[in-house]
Protein backbone atom coordinates (compact mmCIF):
# COMPACT_ATOMS: atom_id res chain seq x y z
CA MET A 1 0.00 0.00 0.00
CA PHE A 2 0.99 3.65 -0.32
CA ASN A 3 0.52 6.18 2.45
CA PHE A 4 0.34 9.86 1.56
CA SER A 5 0.71 13.02 3.69
CA ALA A 6 1.42 13.41 7.39
CA GLY A 7 -2.13 12.44 8.33
CA ARG A 8 -3.45 13.07 11.84
CA ALA A 9 -2.24 12.37 15.37
CA ARG A 10 -4.11 12.03 18.66
CA ILE A 11 -3.20 11.27 22.25
CA LEU A 12 -5.35 9.61 24.90
CA PRO A 13 -4.45 10.71 28.45
CA PRO A 14 -4.83 8.25 31.34
CA PRO A 15 -8.07 8.25 33.38
CA ILE A 16 -8.28 10.79 36.21
CA ALA A 17 -9.83 9.47 39.43
CA GLY A 18 -11.49 6.69 37.51
CA VAL A 19 -13.01 9.02 34.89
CA ALA A 20 -12.28 7.99 31.30
CA GLN A 21 -10.58 10.54 29.05
CA SER A 22 -11.27 11.43 25.41
CA TYR A 23 -8.77 11.58 22.57
CA LEU A 24 -7.03 14.95 22.15
CA GLU A 25 -5.95 16.17 18.73
CA LEU A 26 -2.41 17.20 17.87
CA GLY A 27 -3.81 19.77 15.48
CA VAL A 28 -2.65 20.34 11.88
CA VAL A 29 0.13 17.74 11.83
CA GLN A 30 3.12 18.74 9.70
CA SER A 31 5.11 15.53 10.08
CA ALA A 32 5.11 12.39 12.19
CA SER A 33 7.71 9.67 12.60
CA LEU A 34 8.06 6.29 14.26
CA GLU A 35 11.33 4.41 14.67
CA LEU A 36 11.41 0.82 15.90
CA LYS A 37 14.94 -0.37 16.55
CA VAL A 38 16.88 -2.96 18.53
CA ASP A 39 20.49 -3.20 19.67
CA LEU A 40 22.43 -5.97 17.94
CA LYS A 41 24.96 -7.94 20.00
CA GLU A 42 27.83 -9.51 18.07
CA LEU A 43 29.93 -12.50 19.03
CA ARG A 44 33.38 -12.17 17.46
CA GLY A 45 36.52 -14.21 17.19
CA ALA A 46 39.79 -13.42 15.50
CA TYR A 47 38.26 -12.90 12.08
CA ARG A 48 36.51 -10.02 10.31
CA TYR A 49 32.88 -11.06 10.52
CA PRO A 50 30.87 -11.98 13.61
CA ILE A 51 30.22 -15.62 14.43
CA ALA A 52 26.71 -14.90 15.69
CA VAL A 53 24.40 -11.91 16.05
CA ALA A 54 21.54 -11.59 18.52
CA ASP A 55 19.05 -8.80 19.14
CA GLY A 56 19.11 -7.07 22.52
CA LYS A 57 17.30 -4.05 23.93
CA GLY A 58 14.66 -2.41 21.75
CA THR A 59 13.08 1.05 21.58
CA ALA A 60 10.04 2.56 19.88
CA SER A 61 10.23 6.33 19.55
CA GLY A 62 9.50 9.20 17.21
CA LYS A 63 8.31 12.77 16.82
CA VAL A 64 5.12 14.60 15.87
CA THR A 65 5.30 18.19 14.60
CA PHE A 66 1.99 20.04 14.79
CA ALA A 67 0.75 23.61 14.53
CA GLN A 68 -2.59 23.93 16.30
CA LEU A 69 -2.10 24.43 20.04
CA TRP A 70 -5.14 23.14 21.93
CA PRO A 71 -5.06 23.94 25.70
CA ASN A 72 -6.22 20.49 26.78
CA THR A 73 -3.64 18.78 24.59
CA LEU A 74 -0.72 20.87 25.85
CA ASN A 75 -1.87 20.47 29.43
CA ALA A 76 -2.01 16.67 29.08
CA ILE A 77 1.57 16.62 27.78
CA LEU A 78 3.01 19.10 30.29
CA SER A 79 1.37 17.78 33.49
CA GLY A 80 0.07 21.26 34.15
CA THR A 81 -3.08 22.56 35.80
CA LEU A 82 -5.61 23.97 33.36
CA SER A 83 -7.74 26.89 34.54
CA ASN A 84 -10.14 29.18 32.73
CA PRO A 85 -10.03 32.89 33.65
CA THR A 86 -13.10 33.94 31.64
CA THR A 87 -16.26 32.28 30.45
CA GLY A 88 -17.46 32.03 26.90
CA THR A 89 -18.29 29.47 24.23
CA THR A 90 -16.01 26.73 22.98
CA LEU A 91 -14.84 26.62 19.38
CA SER A 92 -17.14 24.69 17.09
CA PRO A 93 -17.07 22.15 15.64
CA GLN A 94 -15.14 20.14 18.19
CA PRO A 95 -12.49 17.74 16.87
CA PRO A 96 -13.70 14.18 16.30
CA VAL A 97 -12.92 11.41 18.77
CA ALA A 98 -11.50 8.11 17.51
CA ILE A 99 -12.60 4.69 18.77
CA VAL A 100 -10.34 1.74 17.91
CA GLY A 101 -11.30 -1.92 18.16
CA GLU A 102 -14.84 -1.60 19.57
CA ALA A 103 -16.15 -5.17 19.88
CA HIS A 104 -19.63 -6.26 18.72
CA SER A 105 -21.46 -9.41 17.72
CA ILE A 106 -23.56 -9.54 14.57
CA SER A 107 -27.13 -10.33 15.59
CA ALA A 108 -29.27 -13.10 14.17
CA GLY A 109 -30.85 -10.42 12.00
CA GLY A 110 -27.50 -9.49 10.49
CA THR A 111 -27.04 -6.13 12.23
CA ALA A 112 -24.69 -4.52 14.75
CA THR A 113 -25.14 -1.08 16.31
CA LEU A 114 -22.09 1.03 17.12
CA THR A 115 -21.90 2.46 20.65
CA GLN A 116 -21.69 6.04 19.36
CA ALA A 117 -24.14 5.40 16.51
CA ALA A 118 -25.94 8.73 16.89
CA LEU A 119 -22.72 10.76 16.79
CA MET A 120 -20.47 8.76 14.47
CA VAL A 121 -18.90 10.22 11.34
CA THR A 122 -20.23 8.05 8.52
CA GLY A 123 -17.43 6.93 6.26
CA SER A 124 -14.83 6.94 9.03
CA GLU A 125 -15.51 3.34 10.06
CA VAL A 126 -13.07 0.47 9.57
CA ILE A 127 -14.79 -2.90 10.06
CA THR A 128 -13.02 -6.20 10.70
CA VAL A 129 -15.10 -9.38 10.97
CA LEU A 130 -13.73 -12.47 12.74
CA ASP A 131 -14.75 -15.54 10.75
CA ALA A 132 -15.63 -18.92 12.24
CA THR A 133 -11.93 -19.81 12.59
CA GLY A 134 -11.11 -16.54 14.35
CA ASP A 135 -9.26 -15.02 11.38
CA ALA A 136 -9.76 -11.28 10.81
CA VAL A 137 -11.24 -10.24 7.46
CA PHE A 138 -11.60 -6.58 6.45
CA TYR A 139 -15.06 -5.61 5.20
CA THR A 140 -15.89 -2.70 2.91
CA ARG A 141 -18.98 -0.51 2.85
CA THR A 142 -21.29 -0.71 -0.14
CA THR A 143 -23.77 1.95 -1.19
CA GLY A 144 -26.11 -0.63 -2.71
CA THR A 145 -28.57 -2.91 -0.94
CA ALA A 146 -26.86 -6.23 -1.65
CA VAL A 147 -24.25 -7.31 0.89
CA SER A 148 -21.85 -10.23 0.70
CA SER A 149 -20.14 -12.50 3.20
CA SER A 150 -16.50 -13.53 3.49
CA ILE A 151 -17.41 -17.04 4.64
CA GLY A 152 -15.58 -19.75 2.72
CA GLY A 153 -13.22 -17.58 0.74
CA LYS A 154 -11.29 -15.23 3.05
CA THR A 155 -12.25 -12.45 0.63
CA ALA A 156 -13.49 -9.10 1.89
CA GLY A 157 -17.21 -9.04 2.53
CA THR A 158 -19.44 -5.97 2.39
CA TYR A 159 -21.91 -4.21 4.65
CA THR A 160 -24.21 -1.21 4.60
CA ILE A 161 -24.48 1.43 7.32
CA THR A 162 -27.37 3.70 8.26
CA ALA A 163 -27.26 5.97 11.31
CA GLY A 164 -24.51 3.86 12.89
CA VAL A 165 -26.28 0.52 12.33
CA LEU A 166 -24.25 -1.98 10.29
CA THR A 167 -26.09 -4.56 8.17
CA PHE A 168 -24.37 -7.76 7.00
CA ALA A 169 -25.23 -10.81 4.91
CA SER A 170 -27.19 -13.54 6.70
CA ALA A 171 -24.17 -15.85 6.44
CA ASP A 172 -22.37 -13.56 8.89
CA ASP A 173 -24.99 -13.89 11.65
CA ASN A 174 -23.48 -14.38 15.14
CA LEU A 175 -19.92 -13.59 14.03
CA ASN A 176 -17.86 -11.12 16.08
CA LEU A 177 -16.46 -7.87 14.70
CA LEU A 178 -14.12 -5.04 15.64
CA ALA A 179 -15.07 -1.49 14.63
CA SER A 180 -12.78 1.53 14.49
CA TYR A 181 -14.45 4.85 13.74
CA GLN A 182 -14.72 8.53 14.67
CA TYR A 183 -17.57 10.40 16.30
CA LEU A 184 -18.29 14.03 17.08
CA PRO A 185 -18.88 14.67 20.79
CA VAL A 186 -21.85 16.75 21.81
CA ALA A 187 -20.75 20.39 21.92
CA ALA A 188 -20.70 21.71 25.47
CA THR A 189 -20.52 25.22 26.82
CA SER A 190 -16.93 25.87 27.78
CA ILE A 191 -14.61 28.80 28.30
CA ASN A 192 -12.01 30.75 26.38
CA ASN A 193 -8.70 32.26 27.53
CA ASP A 194 -7.24 29.18 29.17
CA LYS A 195 -4.17 29.14 31.41
CA ILE A 196 -1.83 26.21 31.98
CA ALA A 197 -0.04 26.50 35.33
CA LEU A 198 3.35 24.74 35.39
CA ALA A 199 4.32 23.93 38.98
CA GLN A 200 7.19 22.01 40.54
CA ILE A 201 6.48 18.29 40.59
CA GLY A 202 8.40 15.22 41.66
CA MET A 203 10.30 12.99 39.27
CA ASN A 204 8.59 9.97 37.75
CA ASN A 205 5.33 11.93 37.48
CA ALA A 206 5.14 12.42 33.70
CA PRO A 207 1.73 11.42 32.31
CA THR A 208 1.49 8.24 30.26
CA PHE A 209 -0.64 8.58 27.12
CA GLN A 210 -1.74 6.50 24.17
CA LEU A 211 -0.64 7.83 20.77
CA MET A 212 -2.44 7.22 17.48
CA LEU A 213 -0.98 8.17 14.11
CA ILE A 214 -3.58 8.06 11.32
CA GLY A 215 -2.34 8.10 7.75
CA THR A 216 -4.59 9.63 5.12
CA GLY A 217 -3.85 6.79 2.74
CA ALA A 218 -4.32 6.59 -0.98
CA LYS A 219 -6.42 4.48 -3.34
CA ASN A 220 -5.71 0.76 -3.65
CA ILE A 221 -4.39 0.48 -7.20
CA TYR A 222 -6.11 -2.89 -7.68
CA ASN A 223 -9.70 -2.16 -6.64
CA SER A 224 -9.77 1.64 -6.03
CA THR A 225 -10.92 1.26 -2.42
CA ALA A 226 -9.79 3.71 0.25
CA GLN A 227 -6.65 2.79 2.17
CA GLN A 228 -5.68 3.74 5.69
CA PHE A 229 -2.52 3.20 7.73
CA ILE A 230 -2.96 3.51 11.50
CA VAL A 231 -0.32 3.15 14.21
CA GLN A 232 -1.52 2.81 17.80
CA LEU A 233 1.03 2.88 20.64
CA ASN A 234 -0.60 1.99 23.93
CA ALA A 235 1.74 3.68 26.42
CA CYS A 236 4.04 6.64 25.72
CA LEU A 237 6.02 9.27 27.57
CA ALA A 238 7.13 12.61 26.13
CA PRO A 239 10.77 13.42 26.96
CA SER A 240 10.45 16.84 25.31
CA LEU A 241 8.01 19.34 23.86
CA LYS A 242 9.66 22.10 21.83
CA MET A 243 7.91 25.15 20.35
CA ASP A 244 9.64 27.25 17.71
CA PHE A 245 8.57 30.89 17.50
CA LYS A 246 9.72 32.31 14.16
CA LEU A 247 9.64 35.62 12.37
CA ASP A 248 7.11 35.59 9.54
CA ASP A 249 6.07 31.98 10.09
CA PHE A 250 3.68 29.86 12.15
CA THR A 251 4.72 28.45 15.51
CA MET A 252 5.35 24.71 15.34
CA ALA A 253 5.39 22.33 18.29
CA ASP A 254 7.64 19.25 18.26
CA LEU A 255 6.52 16.41 20.52
CA ASP A 256 9.13 13.71 21.07
CA TYR A 257 7.80 10.45 22.43
CA GLN A 258 8.98 7.03 23.50
CA ALA A 259 6.65 4.05 23.68
CA PHE A 260 6.74 1.09 26.06
CA ILE A 261 4.51 -1.87 26.86
CA ASP A 262 1.18 -1.31 28.62
CA VAL A 263 -0.14 -3.14 31.70
CA ASN A 264 -1.13 -6.09 29.48
CA GLY A 265 2.36 -6.43 28.00
CA ASN A 266 1.46 -4.99 24.59
CA LEU A 267 3.30 -2.25 22.70
CA GLY A 268 0.44 -1.42 20.34
CA ASN A 269 -1.00 -2.24 16.92
CA ILE A 270 -0.50 -1.34 13.28
CA TYR A 271 -3.66 -1.37 11.15
CA MET A 272 -3.38 -1.57 7.35
CA ILE A 273 -6.79 -1.09 5.77
CA ASN A 274 -7.19 -2.38 2.18
CA PRO A 275 -3.40 -2.70 1.73
CA GLY A 276 -3.66 -4.34 -1.69
CA GLY A 277 -0.76 -6.17 -3.30
C-alpha cells in the first residue's frame, strides 16, 4: 500500500480518578515519525565477521510536529493545571474522537449497532469481521442494498451502514467484529482564555498517554478502495516538547515520544486497511 501526507495524530491521556478521558488532537500535523529499533549484540573471534548476532534491547520512539495548540492537549503533555479565567463558548465544531477496536457481535438479524451510533462520522468506520476460525477479514462498505459474506473464501465481505447501524449478509450472523471509527462529541458550553499553570512536581510523574498516528492513505491500485494506515502505541512518555517561535512563520510544536509496553504487556497495533498487493 501507499501512504500519503502526514495524516493526523491524537493522544489519549490516562483516566483521572477513575473518569475515562477522550482523545485529544495534535492539530494540523506537519510531520510524524516512528522508529522501531533494537540493539544488535555480536559474538566475534579473531576474524573479520561476527560468528553470531543476537538482538538485545529495543526502543520505539518518534516525533510529531503540529501547529494547532489546543489547551487540553498541551496540558495533558506538560502535566500542568488547566484553569479558565473567563467564560465564553467553545470553538465549534469540536475535533472528532476516535474509537479503535470496539467489539460487537452480529445479531441473528444481520445487524450490529455502534456504541456512538448517533454521533459517528459516517465513512470513518473500519470494520473487521472475525470468521468462524477466528481469522480477521476486512469488510468494505457498499452503497447498494446487496451485501456479501467472506465465509468460505477469506475475501473481503461488504456491509451497509445507516445511522450507525451496520447490516451484513445472513451468512455472517453471530460472528464477532471489531469497529474503528470517529464520532463528534456533543458540543458543550466551555470557556475561552485558558491558562496552563506549570508547577514544581516530583520525578517519575510524567503522564502516560496512548498515541495514534492516522495516515490519510491513498487508493488501492487494484480495486480503487480507500486505504488507511494507523499506528496505535498503547503507552508513551514525552521526553520533550519544543515550540519554535519564528519571524514571519507559524509556531510549530515538536513532541518527542517514547513508547513502552502497557499493563497487558502490549506495545500497540499497526492497522493496514485495504493494503492491496
